[in-house]
Amino acid sequence: MNIKILRIFEYEKYFLALIITALMFFIAKITGHREIIFPEILSIVVFCLITKRQILTTNRVKMVILTVAASLIGVITVRYFQFPLYIQILLGFLLPQVMLIISKSNFVPIIAACLFPIYMKVTSFVYPVTAFILVGLIALSQYYLIKQYRLKPLNIRKNKFFNVNTKTKHLIKLFLIFSIIIILPVYFKQIFILPPPFIVAFALLSNPLSSFRKYPVKVFNAMAFVTLIGIFCRYIINIYMGFPLAVCAIIACILMFMFIEKRKIFFPPVGGALLMPMILKKSMLLLYFPQVLTGLIVIFMAALILFKKNEEQ
C-alpha cells in the first residue's frame, strides 16, 4: 500500500469511527432512550477499526453474538432478578467470561456490555437491540476497510493453544479478587470508582501474557488522560456552552484519536473511559476523576502484582 492510499485509509477509519459514535448519540437523542448510549461501543471501535493489530481472539460474527448475548444477560439480571447490587455486579462480571471460555475467545469488552445495564439500571430491551445494530455496523465497517484497501485479513489468534482448565483457574482467581475490590465501592454506593470500562481494563491487564503489561505507566496515563478529556468536553461543550451531547462526543473522540495516535497507545478500554462522563449526571462529574483515579490505582496494582506470567504458561 503506497503512502497516499495509506493516508486515505487512516483518515477513513477514523471517519467511520466518528460516524458510528455520533450515530449512537443522535439515535439516543431522537428516540429519547438514553440507554442507547453504550460507552463500550467506542472501545470496540478502537479494537476493530483503530488498533494496529489484533489483540483479542474473535471474529466478526462471534463479536456480534457475544456482545448481544452479554447485553441481554445484563438487562435480564436487572429486569427479572432482584438480587442485591453486589451480587448483580458479580454476575455481570462472571457470566460474560464463562461465555468467553465456552466460545474460546478473549473478547473482554463484552464484560462492560453486561455490566453497563446493571450500573445504569437499564431494563429496556432497546439496549441489546442497539448493541446488535452498532456492533454490526462496526463489523461491516471493518469488513469494508479490509476489502476496500485490499488488506490482509486481520491476524486472528488461533485457538489451538486455548486451555480450558488454565482459563478456568485464571477466571476463578480473577473473580475472587474482583469480588473483594468491588466490596467498598458497593458498600459506600460509589460504584463508579470502578466503571465498566475500567473493569474491562482490569480483565485485560490480569492476563499475564498481555502486551500492555510491558508499559503499564503509559496505559495508566492514557486511561486517566482520556477520562479527563471526556469530563472536560462534557463540562465545557455540553453543559457550559450548551451544545448537544453528540457534538460533545464527536469533539472528545477527535481529541482522543489524536492522543492515542500520537502516543501509540491503542488500548481498547480508553474508548469506554472517554464516553463514561457523557452519560453521568452533572452532579457526579465534579468528583468523578478523583474516584476513577483511585479505581485505576487499585485495578492496576491488583492486575500487575497478583497475576504472574507463569500462571498462563
Protein backbone atom coordinates (compact mmCIF):
# COMPACT_ATOMS: atom_id res chain seq x y z
CA MET A 1 0.00 0.00 0.00
CA ASN A 2 1.55 3.32 -1.09
CA ILE A 3 1.75 6.38 1.15
CA LYS A 4 -1.20 8.17 -0.45
CA ILE A 5 -3.56 5.22 -0.10
CA LEU A 6 -2.32 4.59 3.43
CA ARG A 7 -3.19 8.16 4.41
CA ILE A 8 -6.67 7.83 2.91
CA PHE A 9 -7.12 4.60 4.85
CA GLU A 10 -6.06 6.27 8.12
CA TYR A 11 -8.50 9.14 7.60
CA GLU A 12 -11.33 6.86 6.52
CA LYS A 13 -11.09 4.52 9.51
CA TYR A 14 -11.28 7.47 11.89
CA PHE A 15 -14.17 8.94 9.91
CA LEU A 16 -16.11 5.67 10.19
CA ALA A 17 -15.35 5.55 13.91
CA LEU A 18 -16.77 9.06 14.34
CA ILE A 19 -19.87 8.24 12.28
CA ILE A 20 -20.71 5.18 14.37
CA THR A 21 -20.17 7.03 17.66
CA ALA A 22 -22.18 10.06 16.54
CA LEU A 23 -24.99 7.81 15.27
CA MET A 24 -25.33 6.26 18.72
CA PHE A 25 -25.78 9.68 20.34
CA PHE A 26 -28.13 11.00 17.66
CA ILE A 27 -30.40 7.93 17.90
CA ALA A 28 -30.48 8.29 21.69
CA LYS A 29 -31.48 11.95 21.33
CA ILE A 30 -34.16 11.32 18.72
CA THR A 31 -35.75 8.33 20.43
CA GLY A 32 -35.35 9.58 23.99
CA HIS A 33 -33.78 6.28 25.02
CA ARG A 34 -30.66 7.27 26.93
CA GLU A 35 -29.71 3.61 27.41
CA ILE A 36 -28.77 3.54 23.73
CA ILE A 37 -25.57 5.37 24.68
CA PHE A 38 -23.24 2.47 25.33
CA PRO A 39 -19.67 3.71 26.08
CA GLU A 40 -18.05 0.35 25.36
CA ILE A 41 -19.06 0.71 21.70
CA LEU A 42 -16.13 3.10 21.32
CA SER A 43 -13.83 0.50 22.90
CA ILE A 44 -14.97 -1.99 20.27
CA VAL A 45 -14.42 0.69 17.61
CA VAL A 46 -10.84 1.16 18.82
CA PHE A 47 -10.31 -2.60 18.76
CA CYS A 48 -11.82 -3.22 15.31
CA LEU A 49 -11.01 -0.07 13.35
CA ILE A 50 -8.23 1.86 15.06
CA THR A 51 -5.77 -0.56 16.65
CA LYS A 52 -2.78 -1.50 14.52
CA ARG A 53 -3.01 -5.22 15.27
CA GLN A 54 -5.49 -7.70 16.59
CA ILE A 55 -5.10 -8.27 20.33
CA LEU A 56 -8.28 -10.21 21.04
CA THR A 57 -9.39 -13.62 19.83
CA THR A 58 -12.64 -13.27 17.94
CA ASN A 59 -14.21 -12.86 14.53
CA ARG A 60 -16.90 -10.52 13.33
CA VAL A 61 -19.85 -12.90 13.73
CA LYS A 62 -18.73 -14.09 17.16
CA MET A 63 -18.11 -10.49 18.22
CA VAL A 64 -21.72 -9.52 17.46
CA ILE A 65 -23.21 -12.64 19.05
CA LEU A 66 -21.16 -12.37 22.25
CA THR A 67 -21.87 -8.65 22.69
CA VAL A 68 -25.61 -9.02 22.20
CA ALA A 69 -25.77 -12.07 24.50
CA ALA A 70 -23.85 -10.22 27.23
CA SER A 71 -26.08 -7.15 26.93
CA LEU A 72 -29.16 -9.38 27.20
CA ILE A 73 -27.80 -11.02 30.36
CA GLY A 74 -27.28 -7.57 31.89
CA VAL A 75 -30.79 -6.37 31.10
CA ILE A 76 -32.42 -9.63 32.24
CA THR A 77 -30.45 -9.52 35.51
CA VAL A 78 -31.75 -6.03 36.29
CA ARG A 79 -35.27 -6.62 34.98
CA TYR A 80 -36.13 -10.01 36.46
CA PHE A 81 -33.75 -10.81 39.30
CA GLN A 82 -33.94 -8.55 42.32
CA PHE A 83 -30.57 -9.51 43.73
CA PRO A 84 -28.53 -7.05 45.82
CA LEU A 85 -26.37 -4.79 43.66
CA TYR A 86 -23.20 -6.55 44.81
CA ILE A 87 -24.48 -9.92 43.54
CA GLN A 88 -25.69 -8.38 40.28
CA ILE A 89 -22.27 -6.86 39.61
CA LEU A 90 -20.53 -10.15 40.37
CA LEU A 91 -22.86 -11.95 37.95
CA GLY A 92 -22.25 -9.27 35.34
CA PHE A 93 -18.52 -9.83 35.73
CA LEU A 94 -18.58 -13.63 35.84
CA LEU A 95 -21.16 -14.76 33.27
CA PRO A 96 -19.65 -12.99 30.22
CA GLN A 97 -16.28 -14.57 30.99
CA VAL A 98 -17.86 -18.01 31.23
CA MET A 99 -19.22 -17.28 27.75
CA LEU A 100 -15.70 -16.39 26.61
CA ILE A 101 -14.31 -19.69 27.86
CA ILE A 102 -17.09 -21.66 26.17
CA SER A 103 -16.57 -19.78 22.90
CA LYS A 104 -12.76 -19.90 23.20
CA SER A 105 -12.46 -16.15 22.92
CA ASN A 106 -10.92 -13.34 24.95
CA PHE A 107 -13.19 -10.58 23.64
CA VAL A 108 -13.40 -8.97 27.09
CA PRO A 109 -15.34 -5.81 26.03
CA ILE A 110 -18.48 -7.93 26.49
CA ILE A 111 -17.92 -7.66 30.26
CA ALA A 112 -18.80 -3.97 30.01
CA ALA A 113 -21.75 -4.81 27.74
CA CYS A 114 -23.15 -6.90 30.59
CA LEU A 115 -22.21 -4.57 33.46
CA PHE A 116 -23.45 -1.34 31.89
CA PRO A 117 -27.20 -2.05 32.29
CA ILE A 118 -26.53 -3.20 35.86
CA TYR A 119 -24.69 0.04 36.69
CA MET A 120 -27.28 2.23 34.96
CA LYS A 121 -30.39 0.19 35.92
CA VAL A 122 -31.33 -0.39 32.28
CA THR A 123 -34.40 -2.62 31.89
CA SER A 124 -35.32 -1.87 28.28
CA PHE A 125 -34.60 -4.40 25.54
CA VAL A 126 -33.84 -1.43 23.32
CA TYR A 127 -30.31 -1.71 24.76
CA PRO A 128 -29.40 -5.15 23.32
CA VAL A 129 -31.13 -4.28 20.04
CA THR A 130 -28.98 -1.14 19.79
CA ALA A 131 -25.89 -3.15 20.71
CA PHE A 132 -26.68 -5.51 17.83
CA ILE A 133 -27.07 -2.66 15.35
CA LEU A 134 -23.97 -0.74 16.42
CA VAL A 135 -21.64 -3.73 16.74
CA GLY A 136 -22.99 -4.96 13.41
CA LEU A 137 -22.06 -1.60 11.86
CA ILE A 138 -18.57 -1.87 13.35
CA ALA A 139 -18.17 -5.36 11.89
CA LEU A 140 -19.36 -4.16 8.47
CA SER A 141 -17.00 -1.16 8.64
CA GLN A 142 -14.08 -3.45 9.41
CA TYR A 143 -15.03 -5.72 6.51
CA TYR A 144 -15.32 -2.70 4.19
CA LEU A 145 -11.86 -1.39 5.10
CA ILE A 146 -10.27 -4.80 4.55
CA LYS A 147 -11.87 -5.20 1.12
CA GLN A 148 -11.57 -1.56 0.03
CA TYR A 149 -7.85 -1.35 0.71
CA ARG A 150 -7.05 -5.00 -0.04
CA LEU A 151 -5.66 -5.52 3.41
CA LYS A 152 -4.54 -8.89 4.59
CA PRO A 153 -7.12 -10.49 6.89
CA LEU A 154 -6.62 -9.43 10.46
CA ASN A 155 -4.37 -11.74 12.40
CA ILE A 156 -6.96 -13.61 14.45
CA ARG A 157 -5.10 -15.57 17.05
CA LYS A 158 -5.56 -19.30 16.70
CA ASN A 159 -7.32 -21.18 19.45
CA LYS A 160 -5.16 -24.32 19.33
CA PHE A 161 -3.35 -23.20 22.47
CA PHE A 162 -6.57 -22.35 24.29
CA ASN A 163 -6.52 -24.39 27.50
CA VAL A 164 -9.92 -24.51 29.17
CA ASN A 165 -8.52 -25.68 32.51
CA THR A 166 -5.95 -22.88 32.62
CA LYS A 167 -8.53 -20.28 31.64
CA THR A 168 -10.99 -21.57 34.22
CA LYS A 169 -8.40 -21.40 37.01
CA HIS A 170 -7.48 -17.88 35.92
CA LEU A 171 -11.16 -16.85 35.91
CA ILE A 172 -11.70 -18.25 39.42
CA LYS A 173 -8.77 -16.23 40.76
CA LEU A 174 -9.84 -13.13 38.81
CA PHE A 175 -13.40 -13.44 40.11
CA LEU A 176 -12.29 -13.83 43.73
CA ILE A 177 -10.04 -10.77 43.54
CA PHE A 178 -12.71 -8.70 41.83
CA SER A 179 -15.30 -9.76 44.42
CA ILE A 180 -13.02 -8.24 47.06
CA ILE A 181 -12.10 -4.97 45.36
CA ILE A 182 -15.72 -4.19 44.49
CA ILE A 183 -16.94 -4.53 48.11
CA LEU A 184 -16.13 -0.99 49.27
CA PRO A 185 -17.45 0.81 46.15
CA VAL A 186 -20.77 -1.04 46.51
CA TYR A 187 -20.94 -0.60 50.29
CA PHE A 188 -20.36 3.17 50.08
CA LYS A 189 -22.58 3.44 46.97
CA GLN A 190 -19.70 4.72 44.86
CA ILE A 191 -19.65 2.04 42.17
CA PHE A 192 -18.36 4.47 39.54
CA ILE A 193 -14.97 4.28 41.23
CA LEU A 194 -14.79 1.14 39.07
CA PRO A 195 -16.89 1.89 35.95
CA PRO A 196 -17.36 -0.92 33.39
CA PRO A 197 -14.52 0.19 31.02
CA PHE A 198 -12.07 0.10 33.93
CA ILE A 199 -13.23 -3.40 34.84
CA VAL A 200 -12.51 -4.44 31.25
CA ALA A 201 -9.04 -2.92 31.65
CA PHE A 202 -8.60 -5.00 34.81
CA ALA A 203 -9.54 -8.18 32.94
CA LEU A 204 -7.13 -7.36 30.10
CA LEU A 205 -4.21 -6.46 32.34
CA SER A 206 -4.71 -9.51 34.55
CA ASN A 207 -3.71 -11.69 31.61
CA PRO A 208 -0.02 -12.34 32.38
CA LEU A 209 0.75 -12.57 28.65
CA SER A 210 -0.89 -9.25 27.74
CA SER A 211 1.47 -6.98 25.80
CA PHE A 212 0.02 -3.96 27.65
CA ARG A 213 1.71 -5.13 30.87
CA LYS A 214 5.05 -4.17 29.30
CA TYR A 215 4.29 -0.45 29.63
CA PRO A 216 1.74 -0.07 32.46
CA VAL A 217 2.58 3.59 33.15
CA LYS A 218 1.71 4.59 29.57
CA VAL A 219 -1.53 2.61 29.72
CA PHE A 220 -2.42 4.09 33.12
CA ASN A 221 -1.73 7.63 31.88
CA ALA A 222 -3.80 7.00 28.75
CA MET A 223 -6.82 5.83 30.76
CA ALA A 224 -6.54 8.79 33.12
CA PHE A 225 -5.99 11.36 30.35
CA VAL A 226 -8.87 10.26 28.11
CA THR A 227 -11.15 10.31 31.17
CA LEU A 228 -10.11 13.93 31.70
CA ILE A 229 -10.83 14.66 28.04
CA GLY A 230 -14.33 13.24 28.46
CA ILE A 231 -15.00 15.24 31.63
CA PHE A 232 -13.62 18.46 30.14
CA CYS A 233 -15.64 18.15 26.92
CA ARG A 234 -18.83 17.32 28.80
CA TYR A 235 -18.44 20.33 31.10
CA ILE A 236 -17.31 22.91 28.57
CA ILE A 237 -19.03 21.88 25.34
CA ASN A 238 -22.25 20.30 26.59
CA ILE A 239 -23.02 21.83 29.98
CA TYR A 240 -21.41 25.30 29.76
CA MET A 241 -21.74 26.05 26.03
CA GLY A 242 -24.99 24.13 25.57
CA PHE A 243 -24.07 22.09 22.51
CA PRO A 244 -25.80 18.71 22.02
CA LEU A 245 -24.18 15.68 23.59
CA ALA A 246 -23.47 14.24 20.13
CA VAL A 247 -21.31 17.26 19.23
CA CYS A 248 -19.54 16.96 22.56
CA ALA A 249 -18.85 13.26 21.95
CA ILE A 250 -17.51 13.86 18.44
CA ILE A 251 -15.06 16.52 19.63
CA ALA A 252 -13.98 14.30 22.53
CA CYS A 253 -13.43 11.40 20.11
CA ILE A 254 -11.29 13.54 17.81
CA LEU A 255 -9.14 14.62 20.75
CA MET A 256 -8.80 11.03 21.92
CA PHE A 257 -7.90 9.77 18.44
CA MET A 258 -5.19 12.43 18.18
CA PHE A 259 -3.84 11.41 21.58
CA ILE A 260 -3.72 7.64 21.06
CA GLU A 261 -2.27 8.06 17.56
CA LYS A 262 0.43 10.38 18.88
CA ARG A 263 1.24 8.18 21.89
CA LYS A 264 0.67 4.86 20.06
CA ILE A 265 -1.49 3.55 22.90
CA PHE A 266 -4.23 1.51 21.24
CA PHE A 267 -5.72 0.14 24.45
CA PRO A 268 -9.43 -0.59 23.72
CA PRO A 269 -10.85 0.42 27.15
CA VAL A 270 -9.78 4.04 26.54
CA GLY A 271 -12.84 4.37 24.30
CA GLY A 272 -15.25 3.43 27.06
CA ALA A 273 -13.35 5.59 29.57
CA LEU A 274 -13.77 8.61 27.27
CA LEU A 275 -17.54 8.25 26.93
CA MET A 276 -18.44 7.41 30.53
CA PRO A 277 -18.60 11.12 31.56
CA MET A 278 -21.11 11.68 28.74
CA ILE A 279 -23.77 9.58 30.45
CA LEU A 280 -23.26 10.57 34.08
CA LYS A 281 -25.40 13.09 35.92
CA LYS A 282 -24.00 16.61 36.14
CA SER A 283 -23.76 16.32 39.92
CA MET A 284 -21.47 13.29 39.60
CA LEU A 285 -18.89 14.88 37.31
CA LEU A 286 -17.15 17.07 39.87
CA LEU A 287 -15.84 14.14 41.91
CA TYR A 288 -15.70 11.62 39.08
CA PHE A 289 -12.00 11.96 38.22
CA PRO A 290 -10.68 11.53 41.80
CA GLN A 291 -12.93 8.49 42.12
CA VAL A 292 -11.79 6.76 38.95
CA LEU A 293 -8.17 7.65 39.64
CA THR A 294 -8.50 5.71 42.88
CA GLY A 295 -10.11 2.85 40.98
CA LEU A 296 -7.36 2.88 38.36
CA ILE A 297 -4.67 2.58 41.02
CA VAL A 298 -6.46 -0.36 42.62
CA ILE A 299 -7.02 -2.34 39.42
CA PHE A 300 -3.50 -1.73 38.09
CA MET A 301 -1.92 -2.82 41.36
CA ALA A 302 -4.16 -5.89 41.58
CA ALA A 303 -3.62 -6.91 37.95
CA LEU A 304 0.14 -6.39 37.88
CA ILE A 305 1.03 -7.70 41.33
CA LEU A 306 -1.37 -10.59 41.83
CA PHE A 307 -1.09 -12.18 38.38
CA LYS A 308 2.23 -13.65 37.28
CA LYS A 309 3.38 -14.80 33.87
CA ASN A 310 3.94 -18.42 34.84
CA GLU A 311 0.21 -18.81 35.50
CA GLU A 312 -0.57 -18.77 31.78
CA GLN A 313 2.38 -20.74 30.51
